[in-house]
Amino acid sequence: MRRRKVADREGVFVDYGQNARDRTIASAYSIRPTPDARASAPLSWDEVSGVDPATFTLETMRQRIADVGDPTAGMWRRKVALASRFDALELEPQGASS
């Protein structure tokens, strides 16, 4: 098991190991227990490389949805494997967390 200290992380952590039917994770738009009330924000792949997670908060999510729509709309109509997306982002997948 690999331990990660959240306070030392920078950027976006894509936990593709949680993309399975039997996993329970925080849902899109859920609010995190941080002083700025950060929100779990679904992103388009174009947004991932330059995203600042501090941009997405309880205060900003309503406007974001008005501006870009809901990226999760229609998600149950198609299946996508996340592991293949790492090539497009020029990233090396790290071990999935357990």
C-alpha atoms as a PDB file:
ATOM      1  CA  MET A   1       0.000   0.000   0.000  1.00  0.00           C
ATOM      2  CA  ARG A   2       1.304   3.411  -0.908  1.00  0.00           C
ATOM      3  CA  ARG A   3       0.597   6.286   1.451  1.00  0.00           C
ATOM      4  CA  ARG A   4       0.034   9.806   0.190  1.00  0.00           C
ATOM      5  CA  LYS A   5       0.048  12.889   2.310  1.00  0.00           C
ATOM      6  CA  VAL A   6      -2.680  15.105   0.884  1.00  0.00           C
ATOM      7  CA  ALA A   7      -1.133  18.353   2.157  1.00  0.00           C
ATOM      8  CA  ASP A   8       2.028  17.689   0.119  1.00  0.00           C
ATOM      9  CA  ARG A   9       0.222  17.053  -3.170  1.00  0.00           C
ATOM     10  CA  GLU A  10       0.007  19.599  -5.932  1.00  0.00           C
ATOM     11  CA  GLY A  11      -2.202  19.461  -8.990  1.00  0.00           C
ATOM     12  CA  VAL A  12      -4.967  17.010  -9.723  1.00  0.00           C
ATOM     13  CA  PHE A  13      -5.027  13.389  -8.621  1.00  0.00           C
ATOM     14  CA  VAL A  14      -6.955  11.157 -11.006  1.00  0.00           C
ATOM     15  CA  ASP A  15      -7.771   8.016  -9.062  1.00  0.00           C
ATOM     16  CA  TYR A  16      -8.698   5.867 -12.030  1.00  0.00           C
ATOM     17  CA  GLY A  17      -8.662   2.790  -9.782  1.00  0.00           C
ATOM     18  CA  GLN A  18     -11.939   4.048  -8.343  1.00  0.00           C
ATOM     19  CA  ASN A  19     -13.614   3.822 -11.753  1.00  0.00           C
ATOM     20  CA  ALA A  20     -15.330   0.528 -11.018  1.00  0.00           C
ATOM     21  CA  ARG A  21     -18.876  -0.570 -10.367  1.00  0.00           C
ATOM     22  CA  ASP A  22     -18.221  -1.667  -6.769  1.00  0.00           C
ATOM     23  CA  ARG A  23     -16.484   1.534  -5.628  1.00  0.00           C
ATOM     24  CA  THR A  24     -18.076   4.262  -3.571  1.00  0.00           C
ATOM     25  CA  ILE A  25     -16.499   7.678  -3.930  1.00  0.00           C
ATOM     26  CA  ALA A  26     -17.580  11.267  -3.490  1.00  0.00           C
ATOM     27  CA  SER A  27     -19.929  12.304  -6.228  1.00  0.00           C
ATOM     28  CA  ALA A  28     -19.535  15.114  -8.708  1.00  0.00           C
ATOM     29  CA  TYR A  29     -20.264  18.496  -7.161  1.00  0.00           C
ATOM     30  CA  SER A  30     -19.813  17.231  -3.591  1.00  0.00           C
ATOM     31  CA  ILE A  31     -18.331  19.820  -1.233  1.00  0.00           C
ATOM     32  CA  ARG A  32     -15.005  19.058   0.432  1.00  0.00           C
ATOM     33  CA  PRO A  33     -14.267  19.850   4.088  1.00  0.00           C
ATOM     34  CA  THR A  34     -11.830  22.683   3.320  1.00  0.00           C
ATOM     35  CA  PRO A  35     -11.907  26.296   4.531  1.00  0.00           C
ATOM     36  CA  ASP A  36     -12.896  27.496   1.036  1.00  0.00           C
ATOM     37  CA  ALA A  37     -15.521  24.714   0.588  1.00  0.00           C
ATOM     38  CA  ARG A  38     -13.978  23.261  -2.557  1.00  0.00           C
ATOM     39  CA  ALA A  39     -16.273  21.294  -4.809  1.00  0.00           C
ATOM     40  CA  SER A  40     -15.635  18.110  -6.736  1.00  0.00           C
ATOM     41  CA  ALA A  41     -15.857  19.473 -10.273  1.00  0.00           C
ATOM     42  CA  PRO A  42     -16.279  17.326 -13.369  1.00  0.00           C
ATOM     43  CA  LEU A  43     -13.900  18.568 -16.069  1.00  0.00           C
ATOM     44  CA  SER A  44     -13.526  18.215 -19.799  1.00  0.00           C
ATOM     45  CA  TRP A  45     -10.244  16.579 -20.835  1.00  0.00           C
ATOM     46  CA  ASP A  46      -9.094  19.930 -22.258  1.00  0.00           C
ATOM     47  CA  GLU A  47      -9.302  21.478 -18.785  1.00  0.00           C
ATOM     48  CA  VAL A  48      -7.345  18.856 -16.848  1.00  0.00           C
ATOM     49  CA  SER A  49      -3.739  19.918 -17.542  1.00  0.00           C
ATOM     50  CA  GLY A  50      -4.202  23.568 -16.540  1.00  0.00           C
ATOM     51  CA  VAL A  51      -6.793  23.327 -13.793  1.00  0.00           C
ATOM     52  CA  ASP A  52      -6.529  25.076 -10.436  1.00  0.00           C
ATOM     53  CA  PRO A  53      -8.664  23.122  -7.945  1.00  0.00           C
ATOM     54  CA  ALA A  54      -9.130  26.269  -5.837  1.00  0.00           C
ATOM     55  CA  THR A  55     -11.283  27.631  -8.676  1.00  0.00           C
ATOM     56  CA  PHE A  56     -14.113  25.246  -7.843  1.00  0.00           C
ATOM     57  CA  THR A  57     -15.955  26.062  -4.630  1.00  0.00           C
ATOM     58  CA  LEU A  58     -19.460  26.147  -3.232  1.00  0.00           C
ATOM     59  CA  GLU A  59     -19.538  29.817  -4.241  1.00  0.00           C
ATOM     60  CA  THR A  60     -18.407  29.303  -7.859  1.00  0.00           C
ATOM     61  CA  MET A  61     -20.048  26.073  -9.011  1.00  0.00           C
ATOM     62  CA  ARG A  62     -23.450  27.514  -9.915  1.00  0.00           C
ATOM     63  CA  GLN A  63     -21.815  29.975 -12.337  1.00  0.00           C
ATOM     64  CA  ARG A  64     -19.512  27.293 -13.754  1.00  0.00           C
ATOM     65  CA  ILE A  65     -22.484  25.073 -14.597  1.00  0.00           C
ATOM     66  CA  ALA A  66     -24.244  28.055 -16.184  1.00  0.00           C
ATOM     67  CA  ASP A  67     -21.124  28.800 -18.264  1.00  0.00           C
ATOM     68  CA  VAL A  68     -20.012  25.324 -19.379  1.00  0.00           C
ATOM     69  CA  GLY A  69     -22.995  23.100 -18.689  1.00  0.00           C
ATOM     70  CA  ASP A  70     -22.873  19.821 -16.823  1.00  0.00           C
ATOM     71  CA  PRO A  71     -20.077  17.559 -18.127  1.00  0.00           C
ATOM     72  CA  THR A  72     -21.768  14.573 -16.460  1.00  0.00           C
ATOM     73  CA  ALA A  73     -24.964  14.916 -18.501  1.00  0.00           C
ATOM     74  CA  GLY A  74     -25.561  11.707 -20.400  1.00  0.00           C
ATOM     75  CA  MET A  75     -22.688   9.842 -18.755  1.00  0.00           C
ATOM     76  CA  TRP A  76     -24.723   6.690 -18.176  1.00  0.00           C
ATOM     77  CA  ARG A  77     -25.276   6.287 -21.922  1.00  0.00           C
ATOM     78  CA  ARG A  78     -21.626   5.419 -22.706  1.00  0.00           C
ATOM     79  CA  LYS A  79     -18.629   3.710 -21.128  1.00  0.00           C
ATOM     80  CA  VAL A  80     -15.128   5.197 -21.121  1.00  0.00           C
ATOM     81  CA  ALA A  81     -11.913   3.619 -19.844  1.00  0.00           C
ATOM     82  CA  LEU A  82      -9.853   6.233 -18.000  1.00  0.00           C
ATOM     83  CA  ALA A  83      -6.487   4.464 -18.243  1.00  0.00           C
ATOM     84  CA  SER A  84      -6.305   5.154 -21.999  1.00  0.00           C
ATOM     85  CA  ARG A  85      -6.673   8.893 -21.412  1.00  0.00           C
ATOM     86  CA  PHE A  86      -3.238   9.190 -19.782  1.00  0.00           C
ATOM     87  CA  ASP A  87      -1.548   9.018 -23.216  1.00  0.00           C
ATOM     88  CA  ALA A  88      -3.548  11.993 -24.447  1.00  0.00           C
ATOM     89  CA  LEU A  89      -2.473  13.971 -21.360  1.00  0.00           C
ATOM     90  CA  GLU A  90       1.124  12.774 -21.716  1.00  0.00           C
ATOM     91  CA  LEU A  91       1.002  11.357 -18.191  1.00  0.00           C
ATOM     92  CA  GLU A  92       2.346   8.135 -16.752  1.00  0.00           C
ATOM     93  CA  PRO A  93      -0.308   6.341 -14.660  1.00  0.00           C
ATOM     94  CA  GLN A  94       0.807   5.796 -11.075  1.00  0.00           C
ATOM     95  CA  GLY A  95      -0.364   2.834  -8.994  1.00  0.00           C
ATOM     96  CA  ALA A  96      -4.043   2.955  -8.145  1.00  0.00           C
ATOM     97  CA  SER A  97      -4.805   3.664  -4.509  1.00  0.00           C
ATOM     98  CA  SER A  98      -6.593   1.082  -2.432  1.00  0.00           C
END
